Structure formats: C-alpha cells, structure tokens
C-alpha cells in the first residue's frame, strides 16, 4: 500500500488510512472496525524506514458466535454473508477466528478493545509503504 510522505515518515492521515485499509482486508476486519485512531509517534529507523506507534479502539460489529456460525456452516446463512466471508469459509477461517479468542475472548457485538501497536513503513520510489 503506497502512501504520501514527508522527509521523516508517512503523514499521519495516510497512516490512519493505511491502517484501516489493511484492517479491512483481514478476517477481523469483517467482524469489526476501528475508531479513534491516534498516532503517538513516528520514529525514523533509517533514511528509508520509519516506525509508527498507533493507538485505536477495535469495535466488534458481530459477535463470535455469529461469526463462527457463518464460517463453520455457510449453508445456514444468507448468500450475502457467504459472499462477504468467501475467502475465510471452512476450517481455515474457523481456526483463524478461534485464534482471535486468545486476544479478545468470545467477543460480543459492540464490545470494544483499546489497541496499541507499531507499524513499520518503508520508502519505495518516494512513497511510504506500510508493512503488515
């Protein structure tokens, strides 16, 4: 994912957009969204690398029990839900979702978690690229 930059690192609004975009591409992004993203620091690591510290609130839009039902028994849900979760259906998605319980327990719809993490960015051809 390419982003705009300044000399010391990616611009804060681009970091936020990059974080939300990468979140939406994952299974957890299908069952949650991010709110109140705050950048607490941008640390240059090298001339072409920066580490960005972020804080945000992870908000679950769907409970664990509903999500596991969709993944484990896709025939029991609407075609729209099957399509939305198509890349995660079956045993692999079930295992991935179950793995989230080690971080968030059996989450409920509306449940919120404060998250703090670091994201590395690399400058390639004058653009900052977020590293997963």
C-alpha atoms as a PDB file:
ATOM      1  CA  UNK A   1       0.000   0.000   0.000  1.00  0.00           C
ATOM      2  CA  UNK A   2       1.584   3.277  -1.152  1.00  0.00           C
ATOM      3  CA  UNK A   3       1.186   6.459   0.831  1.00  0.00           C
ATOM      4  CA  UNK A   4       2.241  10.112   0.689  1.00  0.00           C
ATOM      5  CA  UNK A   5       5.273  11.097   2.675  1.00  0.00           C
ATOM      6  CA  UNK A   6       7.387  13.816   4.188  1.00  0.00           C
ATOM      7  CA  UNK A   7      11.104  13.569   4.931  1.00  0.00           C
ATOM      8  CA  UNK A   8      10.816  11.863   8.344  1.00  0.00           C
ATOM      9  CA  UNK A   9       7.984   9.448   7.641  1.00  0.00           C
ATOM     10  CA  UNK A  10       4.456   8.960   6.355  1.00  0.00           C
ATOM     11  CA  UNK A  11       1.893  11.691   7.001  1.00  0.00           C
ATOM     12  CA  UNK A  12      -0.470  10.943   9.938  1.00  0.00           C
ATOM     13  CA  UNK A  13      -3.678  10.952   7.871  1.00  0.00           C
ATOM     14  CA  UNK A  14      -2.110   8.472   5.470  1.00  0.00           C
ATOM     15  CA  UNK A  15      -1.028   6.207   8.338  1.00  0.00           C
ATOM     16  CA  UNK A  16      -4.639   6.150   9.547  1.00  0.00           C
ATOM     17  CA  UNK A  17      -5.966   5.337   6.074  1.00  0.00           C
ATOM     18  CA  UNK A  18      -3.324   2.635   5.621  1.00  0.00           C
ATOM     19  CA  UNK A  19      -4.159   1.074   8.990  1.00  0.00           C
ATOM     20  CA  UNK A  20      -7.892   0.995   8.251  1.00  0.00           C
ATOM     21  CA  UNK A  21      -7.340  -0.390   4.750  1.00  0.00           C
ATOM     22  CA  UNK A  22      -5.117  -3.221   5.975  1.00  0.00           C
ATOM     23  CA  UNK A  23      -7.602  -3.981   8.782  1.00  0.00           C
ATOM     24  CA  UNK A  24     -10.482  -4.285   6.310  1.00  0.00           C
ATOM     25  CA  UNK A  25      -8.548  -6.860   4.256  1.00  0.00           C
ATOM     26  CA  UNK A  26      -8.474  -9.380   7.125  1.00  0.00           C
ATOM     27  CA  UNK A  27     -10.978 -11.674   8.805  1.00  0.00           C
ATOM     28  CA  UNK A  28     -11.048  -9.475  11.904  1.00  0.00           C
ATOM     29  CA  UNK A  29     -11.909  -6.589   9.583  1.00  0.00           C
ATOM     30  CA  UNK A  30     -15.063  -8.446   8.534  1.00  0.00           C
ATOM     31  CA  UNK A  31     -16.311  -8.584  12.117  1.00  0.00           C
ATOM     32  CA  UNK A  32     -15.018  -5.249  13.459  1.00  0.00           C
ATOM     33  CA  UNK A  33     -13.979  -1.710  12.635  1.00  0.00           C
ATOM     34  CA  UNK A  34     -11.501   0.832  14.019  1.00  0.00           C
ATOM     35  CA  UNK A  35     -12.315   4.078  15.803  1.00  0.00           C
ATOM     36  CA  UNK A  36     -10.313   6.899  17.371  1.00  0.00           C
ATOM     37  CA  UNK A  37      -7.018   6.168  15.630  1.00  0.00           C
ATOM     38  CA  UNK A  38      -4.238   8.233  17.205  1.00  0.00           C
ATOM     39  CA  UNK A  39      -0.618   8.350  16.147  1.00  0.00           C
ATOM     40  CA  UNK A  40       1.561   8.620  19.228  1.00  0.00           C
ATOM     41  CA  UNK A  41       4.908   8.781  17.446  1.00  0.00           C
ATOM     42  CA  UNK A  42       6.859   8.409  14.241  1.00  0.00           C
ATOM     43  CA  UNK A  43      10.402   7.177  14.750  1.00  0.00           C
ATOM     44  CA  UNK A  44      12.843   7.253  11.822  1.00  0.00           C
ATOM     45  CA  UNK A  45      14.774   3.968  11.770  1.00  0.00           C
ATOM     46  CA  UNK A  46      16.828   4.690   8.651  1.00  0.00           C
ATOM     47  CA  UNK A  47      16.612   7.149   5.770  1.00  0.00           C
ATOM     48  CA  UNK A  48      14.029   4.912   4.095  1.00  0.00           C
ATOM     49  CA  UNK A  49      12.308   3.385   7.156  1.00  0.00           C
ATOM     50  CA  UNK A  50      10.042   4.682   9.918  1.00  0.00           C
ATOM     51  CA  UNK A  51       8.218   3.015  12.794  1.00  0.00           C
ATOM     52  CA  UNK A  52       4.824   4.494  13.609  1.00  0.00           C
ATOM     53  CA  UNK A  53       3.188   3.984  17.014  1.00  0.00           C
ATOM     54  CA  UNK A  54      -0.614   3.981  16.891  1.00  0.00           C
ATOM     55  CA  UNK A  55      -3.483   3.593  19.330  1.00  0.00           C
ATOM     56  CA  UNK A  56      -7.045   2.817  18.344  1.00  0.00           C
ATOM     57  CA  UNK A  57     -10.261   1.299  19.533  1.00  0.00           C
ATOM     58  CA  UNK A  58     -11.280  -2.012  17.972  1.00  0.00           C
ATOM     59  CA  UNK A  59     -15.088  -2.280  17.913  1.00  0.00           C
ATOM     60  CA  UNK A  60     -16.779  -5.586  17.124  1.00  0.00           C
ATOM     61  CA  UNK A  61     -19.715  -5.322  14.701  1.00  0.00           C
ATOM     62  CA  UNK A  62     -20.573  -9.006  15.097  1.00  0.00           C
ATOM     63  CA  UNK A  63     -20.270 -11.435  17.979  1.00  0.00           C
ATOM     64  CA  UNK A  64     -18.027 -14.502  17.950  1.00  0.00           C
ATOM     65  CA  UNK A  65     -20.959 -16.940  17.937  1.00  0.00           C
ATOM     66  CA  UNK A  66     -22.482 -15.385  14.795  1.00  0.00           C
ATOM     67  CA  UNK A  67     -19.126 -15.216  13.020  1.00  0.00           C
ATOM     68  CA  UNK A  68     -18.213 -18.819  13.807  1.00  0.00           C
ATOM     69  CA  UNK A  69     -21.637 -19.958  12.547  1.00  0.00           C
ATOM     70  CA  UNK A  70     -21.030 -18.197   9.226  1.00  0.00           C
ATOM     71  CA  UNK A  71     -17.575 -19.749   8.805  1.00  0.00           C
ATOM     72  CA  UNK A  72     -18.335 -23.258  10.019  1.00  0.00           C
ATOM     73  CA  UNK A  73     -21.800 -23.647   8.459  1.00  0.00           C
ATOM     74  CA  UNK A  74     -22.063 -21.275   5.488  1.00  0.00           C
ATOM     75  CA  UNK A  75     -25.195 -23.037   4.247  1.00  0.00           C
ATOM     76  CA  UNK A  76     -27.102 -21.677   7.243  1.00  0.00           C
ATOM     77  CA  UNK A  77     -26.609 -18.002   6.319  1.00  0.00           C
ATOM     78  CA  UNK A  78     -27.682 -15.687   3.528  1.00  0.00           C
ATOM     79  CA  UNK A  79     -25.892 -15.577   0.199  1.00  0.00           C
ATOM     80  CA  UNK A  80     -24.709 -12.048   1.001  1.00  0.00           C
ATOM     81  CA  UNK A  81     -22.960 -13.174   4.173  1.00  0.00           C
ATOM     82  CA  UNK A  82     -21.438 -16.177   2.392  1.00  0.00           C
ATOM     83  CA  UNK A  83     -20.094 -13.861  -0.326  1.00  0.00           C
ATOM     84  CA  UNK A  84     -18.701 -11.382   2.211  1.00  0.00           C
ATOM     85  CA  UNK A  85     -16.826 -14.140   4.082  1.00  0.00           C
ATOM     86  CA  UNK A  86     -15.997 -16.237   0.985  1.00  0.00           C
ATOM     87  CA  UNK A  87     -12.218 -16.095   1.449  1.00  0.00           C
ATOM     88  CA  UNK A  88     -12.479 -17.408   5.004  1.00  0.00           C
ATOM     89  CA  UNK A  89     -15.146 -20.133   4.855  1.00  0.00           C
ATOM     90  CA  UNK A  90     -14.416 -23.587   6.205  1.00  0.00           C
ATOM     91  CA  UNK A  91     -11.784 -24.924   8.542  1.00  0.00           C
ATOM     92  CA  UNK A  92      -9.090 -22.304   7.847  1.00  0.00           C
ATOM     93  CA  UNK A  93     -11.378 -19.396   8.674  1.00  0.00           C
ATOM     94  CA  UNK A  94     -12.756 -21.240  11.679  1.00  0.00           C
ATOM     95  CA  UNK A  95      -9.242 -21.775  13.038  1.00  0.00           C
ATOM     96  CA  UNK A  96      -8.297 -18.152  12.312  1.00  0.00           C
ATOM     97  CA  UNK A  97     -11.403 -16.817  14.064  1.00  0.00           C
ATOM     98  CA  UNK A  98     -10.902 -19.147  17.018  1.00  0.00           C
ATOM     99  CA  UNK A  99      -7.353 -17.813  17.274  1.00  0.00           C
ATOM    100  CA  UNK A 100      -8.761 -14.336  17.818  1.00  0.00           C
ATOM    101  CA  UNK A 101     -10.302 -15.583  21.061  1.00  0.00           C
ATOM    102  CA  UNK A 102      -6.797 -15.783  22.555  1.00  0.00           C
ATOM    103  CA  UNK A 103      -6.664 -11.982  22.204  1.00  0.00           C
ATOM    104  CA  UNK A 104     -10.296 -10.927  22.662  1.00  0.00           C
ATOM    105  CA  UNK A 105     -12.128 -13.871  24.216  1.00  0.00           C
ATOM    106  CA  UNK A 106     -15.502 -14.814  22.755  1.00  0.00           C
ATOM    107  CA  UNK A 107     -16.204 -11.223  21.753  1.00  0.00           C
ATOM    108  CA  UNK A 108     -19.700  -9.778  21.612  1.00  0.00           C
ATOM    109  CA  UNK A 109     -21.240  -7.325  19.172  1.00  0.00           C
ATOM    110  CA  UNK A 110     -20.440  -3.790  20.358  1.00  0.00           C
ATOM    111  CA  UNK A 111     -17.539  -4.878  22.544  1.00  0.00           C
ATOM    112  CA  UNK A 112     -14.546  -2.508  22.437  1.00  0.00           C
ATOM    113  CA  UNK A 113     -10.835  -3.038  22.949  1.00  0.00           C
ATOM    114  CA  UNK A 114      -8.046  -0.470  23.174  1.00  0.00           C
ATOM    115  CA  UNK A 115      -5.134  -1.493  20.962  1.00  0.00           C
ATOM    116  CA  UNK A 116      -1.578  -0.140  20.883  1.00  0.00           C
ATOM    117  CA  UNK A 117       0.788  -1.275  18.139  1.00  0.00           C
ATOM    118  CA  UNK A 118       3.652  -0.275  15.885  1.00  0.00           C
ATOM    119  CA  UNK A 119       3.641  -0.330  12.098  1.00  0.00           C
ATOM    120  CA  UNK A 120       6.799  -0.165  10.015  1.00  0.00           C
ATOM    121  CA  UNK A 121       6.831   1.878   6.823  1.00  0.00           C
ATOM    122  CA  UNK A 122       9.436   1.655   4.063  1.00  0.00           C
ATOM    123  CA  UNK A 123      10.030   4.360   1.454  1.00  0.00           C
ATOM    124  CA  UNK A 124       9.978   2.893  -2.055  1.00  0.00           C
ATOM    125  CA  UNK A 125      10.272   5.175  -5.084  1.00  0.00           C
ATOM    126  CA  UNK A 126       9.463   8.221  -2.951  1.00  0.00           C
ATOM    127  CA  UNK A 127       6.314   6.693  -1.402  1.00  0.00           C
ATOM    128  CA  UNK A 128       5.854   5.182   2.064  1.00  0.00           C
ATOM    129  CA  UNK A 129       4.610   1.580   2.098  1.00  0.00           C
ATOM    130  CA  UNK A 130       3.101   0.094   5.270  1.00  0.00           C
ATOM    131  CA  UNK A 131       4.474  -3.292   6.247  1.00  0.00           C
ATOM    132  CA  UNK A 132       1.997  -5.778   7.769  1.00  0.00           C
END
